Amino acid sequence: MAVDDVDGTLAAMGPRLRAAREDHGATLAGVSCATGISTSTLSRIETGRRKPTLEVLLQLSKEYGVSLDELAGTAPAPTAEPRATAPLSFRDDKAVLPLTRYVGGLHAHKHVLPAVEGPPARPRQVSHEGYEWLCVLYGRLWLGLGDQDLVLAAGDVAEFDTRTPHGVVNAGSGGPVEYLIMFGPQGERLRLRTPPAVGRGNRQPNRAQAGRETQP
């Protein structure tokens, strides 16, 4: 493997490590206590500002219960259905399907939360550097954002600074929840660009944040 390929693979591991940690239900502080790796080092690795060493990767792989192949994105492709893309399942209760190659800048993945029985507990919240855009495709998603509780339905969108404590759970719709996430590790944000409407002057388009603020 060429040096550039190795560097690119290491840089791409940050978002996967973040997704694995969140799916594990752990905070940066908790992982730091369990592994001895400082929270600042973990944060810099997850946001792509520091390349992880093999020793660190082995520790985190063991802590999160995922393979190095999954973290590197080199796990063997499924052979039964060549046209299908297999999601990376970090836990039995959640599936994550990467939609980008995670080489710097904005990256995206699709999350699927299974159906739940009974009223859900308030989402466990985490915070980290970056900016996130979330869009619900199916079902009802409970987004705990700081002190706010938002229940998002299909087509609803939320975007927020990930330094604000946040977390999500299935809001108890009786079925699974599917949603898309776009995340900028250095705080990159989506840019809305639409041509001005005819006859309406030069007013700038507004960025909309959809979502109904209710208690689930």
C-alpha atoms as a PDB file:
ATOM      1  CA  MET A   1       0.000   0.000   0.000  1.00  0.00           C
ATOM      2  CA  ALA A   2       1.364   3.443  -0.960  1.00  0.00           C
ATOM      3  CA  VAL A   3       2.188   5.994   1.739  1.00  0.00           C
ATOM      4  CA  ASP A   4      -0.640   8.252   0.575  1.00  0.00           C
ATOM      5  CA  ASP A   5      -3.087   5.346   0.854  1.00  0.00           C
ATOM      6  CA  VAL A   6      -1.922   4.582   4.391  1.00  0.00           C
ATOM      7  CA  ASP A   7      -2.248   8.247   5.414  1.00  0.00           C
ATOM      8  CA  GLY A   8      -5.723   8.414   3.878  1.00  0.00           C
ATOM      9  CA  THR A   9      -6.849   5.246   5.662  1.00  0.00           C
ATOM     10  CA  LEU A  10      -5.588   6.516   9.028  1.00  0.00           C
ATOM     11  CA  ALA A  11      -7.241   9.912   8.518  1.00  0.00           C
ATOM     12  CA  ALA A  12     -10.527   8.210   7.586  1.00  0.00           C
ATOM     13  CA  MET A  13     -10.662   6.259  10.841  1.00  0.00           C
ATOM     14  CA  GLY A  14     -11.651   9.277  12.962  1.00  0.00           C
ATOM     15  CA  PRO A  15     -15.360   9.352  12.015  1.00  0.00           C
ATOM     16  CA  ARG A  16     -15.585   5.553  12.290  1.00  0.00           C
ATOM     17  CA  LEU A  17     -14.052   5.664  15.762  1.00  0.00           C
ATOM     18  CA  ARG A  18     -16.535   8.374  16.767  1.00  0.00           C
ATOM     19  CA  ALA A  19     -19.484   6.333  15.424  1.00  0.00           C
ATOM     20  CA  ALA A  20     -18.220   3.211  17.209  1.00  0.00           C
ATOM     21  CA  ARG A  21     -17.842   5.104  20.493  1.00  0.00           C
ATOM     22  CA  GLU A  22     -21.307   6.652  20.304  1.00  0.00           C
ATOM     23  CA  ASP A  23     -22.844   3.304  19.381  1.00  0.00           C
ATOM     24  CA  HIS A  24     -21.014   1.818  22.381  1.00  0.00           C
ATOM     25  CA  GLY A  25     -22.763   4.478  24.501  1.00  0.00           C
ATOM     26  CA  ALA A  26     -19.487   5.864  25.812  1.00  0.00           C
ATOM     27  CA  THR A  27     -18.252   9.399  26.356  1.00  0.00           C
ATOM     28  CA  LEU A  28     -14.744  10.608  25.618  1.00  0.00           C
ATOM     29  CA  ALA A  29     -14.106  10.816  29.351  1.00  0.00           C
ATOM     30  CA  GLY A  30     -15.329   7.253  29.881  1.00  0.00           C
ATOM     31  CA  VAL A  31     -13.135   5.859  27.103  1.00  0.00           C
ATOM     32  CA  SER A  32     -10.191   7.810  28.482  1.00  0.00           C
ATOM     33  CA  CYS A  33     -10.655   6.224  31.912  1.00  0.00           C
ATOM     34  CA  ALA A  34     -10.985   2.735  30.411  1.00  0.00           C
ATOM     35  CA  THR A  35      -7.982   2.963  28.060  1.00  0.00           C
ATOM     36  CA  GLY A  36      -5.649   5.554  29.577  1.00  0.00           C
ATOM     37  CA  ILE A  37      -5.761   7.612  26.357  1.00  0.00           C
ATOM     38  CA  SER A  38      -6.300  11.306  27.094  1.00  0.00           C
ATOM     39  CA  THR A  39      -9.616  12.900  26.114  1.00  0.00           C
ATOM     40  CA  SER A  40      -7.785  15.532  24.051  1.00  0.00           C
ATOM     41  CA  THR A  41      -6.019  12.805  22.055  1.00  0.00           C
ATOM     42  CA  LEU A  42      -9.284  10.929  21.487  1.00  0.00           C
ATOM     43  CA  SER A  43     -11.021  14.134  20.372  1.00  0.00           C
ATOM     44  CA  ARG A  44      -8.229  15.062  17.960  1.00  0.00           C
ATOM     45  CA  ILE A  45      -8.258  11.561  16.445  1.00  0.00           C
ATOM     46  CA  GLU A  46     -12.050  11.590  15.985  1.00  0.00           C
ATOM     47  CA  THR A  47     -11.985  15.004  14.298  1.00  0.00           C
ATOM     48  CA  GLY A  48      -9.129  14.059  11.971  1.00  0.00           C
ATOM     49  CA  ARG A  49      -6.531  16.377  13.490  1.00  0.00           C
ATOM     50  CA  ARG A  50      -4.349  13.514  14.655  1.00  0.00           C
ATOM     51  CA  LYS A  51      -3.572  10.120  13.114  1.00  0.00           C
ATOM     52  CA  PRO A  52      -4.077   7.158  15.445  1.00  0.00           C
ATOM     53  CA  THR A  53      -1.148   4.861  16.226  1.00  0.00           C
ATOM     54  CA  LEU A  54      -1.486   1.079  15.970  1.00  0.00           C
ATOM     55  CA  GLU A  55      -1.369   0.808  19.758  1.00  0.00           C
ATOM     56  CA  VAL A  56      -4.248   3.262  20.122  1.00  0.00           C
ATOM     57  CA  LEU A  57      -6.275   1.503  17.410  1.00  0.00           C
ATOM     58  CA  LEU A  58      -5.827  -1.873  19.096  1.00  0.00           C
ATOM     59  CA  GLN A  59      -6.999  -0.434  22.428  1.00  0.00           C
ATOM     60  CA  LEU A  60     -10.048   1.244  20.909  1.00  0.00           C
ATOM     61  CA  SER A  61     -10.903  -1.751  18.743  1.00  0.00           C
ATOM     62  CA  LYS A  62     -10.981  -3.928  21.860  1.00  0.00           C
ATOM     63  CA  GLU A  63     -12.892  -1.324  23.894  1.00  0.00           C
ATOM     64  CA  TYR A  64     -15.620  -0.859  21.249  1.00  0.00           C
ATOM     65  CA  GLY A  65     -15.798  -4.490  20.161  1.00  0.00           C
ATOM     66  CA  VAL A  66     -15.122  -3.797  16.465  1.00  0.00           C
ATOM     67  CA  SER A  67     -12.416  -5.157  14.183  1.00  0.00           C
ATOM     68  CA  LEU A  68      -9.548  -3.180  12.714  1.00  0.00           C
ATOM     69  CA  ASP A  69     -10.921  -4.026   9.254  1.00  0.00           C
ATOM     70  CA  GLU A  70     -14.197  -2.294  10.139  1.00  0.00           C
ATOM     71  CA  LEU A  71     -12.386   0.771  11.442  1.00  0.00           C
ATOM     72  CA  ALA A  72     -10.195   0.902   8.329  1.00  0.00           C
ATOM     73  CA  GLY A  73     -13.115   0.293   5.959  1.00  0.00           C
ATOM     74  CA  THR A  74     -11.401  -2.805   4.535  1.00  0.00           C
ATOM     75  CA  ALA A  75     -13.818  -5.467   5.759  1.00  0.00           C
ATOM     76  CA  PRO A  76     -14.595  -8.038   2.993  1.00  0.00           C
ATOM     77  CA  ALA A  77     -17.607  -7.189   0.864  1.00  0.00           C
ATOM     78  CA  PRO A  78     -20.592  -9.591   1.020  1.00  0.00           C
ATOM     79  CA  THR A  79     -20.675 -12.208  -1.760  1.00  0.00           C
ATOM     80  CA  ALA A  80     -24.304 -13.381  -1.587  1.00  0.00           C
ATOM     81  CA  GLU A  81     -25.683 -10.101  -2.917  1.00  0.00           C
ATOM     82  CA  PRO A  82     -22.937  -8.285  -4.824  1.00  0.00           C
ATOM     83  CA  ARG A  83     -25.121  -5.262  -5.544  1.00  0.00           C
ATOM     84  CA  ALA A  84     -26.014  -4.647  -1.926  1.00  0.00           C
ATOM     85  CA  THR A  85     -23.916  -2.594   0.464  1.00  0.00           C
ATOM     86  CA  ALA A  86     -23.663  -4.189   3.904  1.00  0.00           C
ATOM     87  CA  PRO A  87     -24.087  -1.768   6.812  1.00  0.00           C
ATOM     88  CA  LEU A  88     -21.469  -1.677   9.529  1.00  0.00           C
ATOM     89  CA  SER A  89     -23.355  -2.997  12.552  1.00  0.00           C
ATOM     90  CA  PHE A  90     -21.525  -1.939  15.687  1.00  0.00           C
ATOM     91  CA  ARG A  91     -24.278  -3.156  18.018  1.00  0.00           C
ATOM     92  CA  ASP A  92     -27.377  -5.327  17.796  1.00  0.00           C
ATOM     93  CA  ASP A  93     -29.618  -2.308  18.374  1.00  0.00           C
ATOM     94  CA  LYS A  94     -28.200  -0.031  15.691  1.00  0.00           C
ATOM     95  CA  ALA A  95     -26.863  -0.193  12.135  1.00  0.00           C
ATOM     96  CA  VAL A  96     -24.665   2.417  10.437  1.00  0.00           C
ATOM     97  CA  LEU A  97     -24.169   2.605   6.677  1.00  0.00           C
ATOM     98  CA  PRO A  98     -21.293   4.896   5.583  1.00  0.00           C
ATOM     99  CA  LEU A  99     -22.179   6.989   2.520  1.00  0.00           C
ATOM    100  CA  THR A 100     -18.791   8.687   2.021  1.00  0.00           C
ATOM    101  CA  ARG A 101     -15.134   7.639   2.163  1.00  0.00           C
ATOM    102  CA  TYR A 102     -14.411   9.981   5.089  1.00  0.00           C
ATOM    103  CA  VAL A 103     -11.364  11.615   3.572  1.00  0.00           C
ATOM    104  CA  GLY A 104     -11.610  15.004   5.278  1.00  0.00           C
ATOM    105  CA  GLY A 105     -14.396  17.563   5.184  1.00  0.00           C
ATOM    106  CA  LEU A 106     -18.078  16.665   5.395  1.00  0.00           C
ATOM    107  CA  HIS A 107     -18.987  13.003   5.614  1.00  0.00           C
ATOM    108  CA  ALA A 108     -22.308  11.194   5.751  1.00  0.00           C
ATOM    109  CA  HIS A 109     -23.877   8.013   7.006  1.00  0.00           C
ATOM    110  CA  LYS A 110     -27.302   6.444   7.336  1.00  0.00           C
ATOM    111  CA  HIS A 111     -28.474   5.169  10.745  1.00  0.00           C
ATOM    112  CA  VAL A 112     -31.229   2.671  11.458  1.00  0.00           C
ATOM    113  CA  LEU A 113     -32.714   2.268  14.952  1.00  0.00           C
ATOM    114  CA  PRO A 114     -34.965  -0.785  15.486  1.00  0.00           C
ATOM    115  CA  ALA A 115     -38.492  -0.667  16.866  1.00  0.00           C
ATOM    116  CA  VAL A 116     -38.829  -0.351  20.631  1.00  0.00           C
ATOM    117  CA  GLU A 117     -41.329  -1.660  23.136  1.00  0.00           C
ATOM    118  CA  GLY A 118     -42.682   0.753  25.706  1.00  0.00           C
ATOM    119  CA  PRO A 119     -41.800   4.407  26.335  1.00  0.00           C
ATOM    120  CA  PRO A 120     -38.120   5.162  25.628  1.00  0.00           C
ATOM    121  CA  ALA A 121     -35.774   6.780  28.127  1.00  0.00           C
ATOM    122  CA  ARG A 122     -34.374  10.232  27.384  1.00  0.00           C
ATOM    123  CA  PRO A 123     -31.441   9.954  24.948  1.00  0.00           C
ATOM    124  CA  ARG A 124     -27.943   9.602  26.388  1.00  0.00           C
ATOM    125  CA  GLN A 125     -26.107  12.787  25.396  1.00  0.00           C
ATOM    126  CA  VAL A 126     -22.553  13.336  24.188  1.00  0.00           C
ATOM    127  CA  SER A 127     -20.682  16.421  22.982  1.00  0.00           C
ATOM    128  CA  HIS A 128     -17.670  16.912  20.744  1.00  0.00           C
ATOM    129  CA  GLU A 129     -16.245  19.312  18.187  1.00  0.00           C
ATOM    130  CA  GLY A 130     -18.000  19.652  14.851  1.00  0.00           C
ATOM    131  CA  TYR A 131     -21.346  20.476  13.234  1.00  0.00           C
ATOM    132  CA  GLU A 132     -24.119  18.040  12.324  1.00  0.00           C
ATOM    133  CA  TRP A 133     -27.075  17.970   9.943  1.00  0.00           C
ATOM    134  CA  LEU A 134     -29.742  15.303  10.546  1.00  0.00           C
ATOM    135  CA  CYS A 135     -32.707  14.319   8.358  1.00  0.00           C
ATOM    136  CA  VAL A 136     -35.330  11.709   9.303  1.00  0.00           C
ATOM    137  CA  LEU A 137     -36.314   9.367   6.461  1.00  0.00           C
ATOM    138  CA  TYR A 138     -38.786   7.112   8.263  1.00  0.00           C
ATOM    139  CA  GLY A 139     -40.361   6.852  11.700  1.00  0.00           C
ATOM    140  CA  ARG A 140     -40.130   9.233  14.657  1.00  0.00           C
ATOM    141  CA  LEU A 141     -36.813  10.227  16.208  1.00  0.00           C
ATOM    142  CA  TRP A 142     -36.374  11.770  19.651  1.00  0.00           C
ATOM    143  CA  LEU A 143     -33.484  14.253  19.588  1.00  0.00           C
ATOM    144  CA  GLY A 144     -32.277  15.441  22.974  1.00  0.00           C
ATOM    145  CA  LEU A 145     -30.374  18.656  22.286  1.00  0.00           C
ATOM    146  CA  GLY A 146     -29.120  20.268  25.472  1.00  0.00           C
ATOM    147  CA  ASP A 147     -32.239  21.024  27.515  1.00  0.00           C
ATOM    148  CA  GLN A 148     -34.522  20.739  24.467  1.00  0.00           C
ATOM    149  CA  ASP A 149     -36.497  17.669  23.422  1.00  0.00           C
ATOM    150  CA  LEU A 150     -37.384  17.475  19.715  1.00  0.00           C
ATOM    151  CA  VAL A 151     -39.497  14.750  18.112  1.00  0.00           C
ATOM    152  CA  LEU A 152     -38.689  14.620  14.398  1.00  0.00           C
ATOM    153  CA  ALA A 153     -40.871  12.836  11.839  1.00  0.00           C
ATOM    154  CA  ALA A 154     -40.085  11.798   8.266  1.00  0.00           C
ATOM    155  CA  GLY A 155     -38.849  14.806   6.296  1.00  0.00           C
ATOM    156  CA  ASP A 156     -37.905  16.830   9.372  1.00  0.00           C
ATOM    157  CA  VAL A 157     -34.385  18.266   9.556  1.00  0.00           C
ATOM    158  CA  ALA A 158     -32.251  19.492  12.446  1.00  0.00           C
ATOM    159  CA  GLU A 159     -28.764  21.004  12.378  1.00  0.00           C
ATOM    160  CA  PHE A 160     -26.654  21.920  15.365  1.00  0.00           C
ATOM    161  CA  ASP A 161     -23.211  22.528  16.789  1.00  0.00           C
ATOM    162  CA  THR A 162     -22.102  19.190  18.235  1.00  0.00           C
ATOM    163  CA  ARG A 163     -20.454  20.938  21.177  1.00  0.00           C
ATOM    164  CA  THR A 164     -24.037  21.095  22.472  1.00  0.00           C
ATOM    165  CA  PRO A 165     -24.816  17.830  24.333  1.00  0.00           C
ATOM    166  CA  HIS A 166     -26.981  15.680  22.061  1.00  0.00           C
ATOM    167  CA  GLY A 167     -28.346  12.183  21.617  1.00  0.00           C
ATOM    168  CA  VAL A 168     -31.114  10.298  19.806  1.00  0.00           C
ATOM    169  CA  VAL A 169     -33.448   7.355  20.405  1.00  0.00           C
ATOM    170  CA  ASN A 170     -36.437   5.834  18.666  1.00  0.00           C
ATOM    171  CA  ALA A 171     -39.396   7.894  19.881  1.00  0.00           C
ATOM    172  CA  GLY A 172     -41.597   4.820  20.089  1.00  0.00           C
ATOM    173  CA  SER A 173     -43.344   4.954  16.720  1.00  0.00           C
ATOM    174  CA  GLY A 174     -44.015   1.213  16.699  1.00  0.00           C
ATOM    175  CA  GLY A 175     -41.470   0.680  13.953  1.00  0.00           C
ATOM    176  CA  PRO A 176     -37.823   1.369  13.099  1.00  0.00           C
ATOM    177  CA  VAL A 177     -36.368   4.824  12.511  1.00  0.00           C
ATOM    178  CA  GLU A 178     -34.108   5.647   9.587  1.00  0.00           C
ATOM    179  CA  TYR A 179     -32.191   8.909   9.364  1.00  0.00           C
ATOM    180  CA  LEU A 180     -29.291  10.515   7.539  1.00  0.00           C
ATOM    181  CA  ILE A 181     -26.424  12.354   9.214  1.00  0.00           C
ATOM    182  CA  MET A 182     -23.917  14.709   7.623  1.00  0.00           C
ATOM    183  CA  PHE A 183     -21.107  15.703   9.957  1.00  0.00           C
ATOM    184  CA  GLY A 184     -18.353  18.302   9.603  1.00  0.00           C
ATOM    185  CA  PRO A 185     -15.565  17.345  12.060  1.00  0.00           C
ATOM    186  CA  GLN A 186     -14.042  20.830  11.944  1.00  0.00           C
ATOM    187  CA  GLY A 187     -17.437  22.537  12.093  1.00  0.00           C
ATOM    188  CA  GLU A 188     -18.123  22.622   8.334  1.00  0.00           C
ATOM    189  CA  ARG A 189     -21.748  23.468   7.606  1.00  0.00           C
ATOM    190  CA  LEU A 190     -24.061  22.799   4.673  1.00  0.00           C
ATOM    191  CA  ARG A 191     -24.520  25.740   2.308  1.00  0.00           C
ATOM    192  CA  LEU A 192     -27.982  26.360   0.900  1.00  0.00           C
ATOM    193  CA  ARG A 193     -27.749  27.745  -2.638  1.00  0.00           C
ATOM    194  CA  THR A 194     -30.922  28.407  -4.591  1.00  0.00           C
ATOM    195  CA  PRO A 195     -31.576  30.936  -7.363  1.00  0.00           C
ATOM    196  CA  PRO A 196     -33.744  33.923  -6.351  1.00  0.00           C
ATOM    197  CA  ALA A 197     -37.439  33.624  -7.169  1.00  0.00           C
ATOM    198  CA  VAL A 198     -38.560  35.599 -10.211  1.00  0.00           C
ATOM    199  CA  GLY A 199     -40.137  38.923  -9.258  1.00  0.00           C
ATOM    200  CA  ARG A 200     -39.101  38.770  -5.628  1.00  0.00           C
ATOM    201  CA  GLY A 201     -36.044  40.968  -5.704  1.00  0.00           C
ATOM    202  CA  ASN A 202     -32.707  39.947  -4.363  1.00  0.00           C
ATOM    203  CA  ARG A 203     -33.731  38.601  -1.002  1.00  0.00           C
ATOM    204  CA  GLN A 204     -31.359  35.965   0.326  1.00  0.00           C
ATOM    205  CA  PRO A 205     -32.779  32.461   0.868  1.00  0.00           C
ATOM    206  CA  ASN A 206     -33.299  31.459   4.462  1.00  0.00           C
ATOM    207  CA  ARG A 207     -31.881  28.329   6.018  1.00  0.00           C
ATOM    208  CA  ALA A 208     -34.694  26.350   7.634  1.00  0.00           C
ATOM    209  CA  GLN A 209     -34.399  24.194  10.690  1.00  0.00           C
ATOM    210  CA  ALA A 210     -37.323  21.793  10.706  1.00  0.00           C
ATOM    211  CA  GLY A 211     -38.573  19.920  13.708  1.00  0.00           C
ATOM    212  CA  ARG A 212     -41.427  20.000  16.147  1.00  0.00           C
ATOM    213  CA  GLU A 213     -40.446  20.688  19.730  1.00  0.00           C
ATOM    214  CA  THR A 214     -42.625  18.355  21.786  1.00  0.00           C
ATOM    215  CA  GLN A 215     -42.335  15.889  24.580  1.00  0.00           C
ATOM    216  CA  PRO A 216     -42.450  12.338  23.226  1.00  0.00           C
END
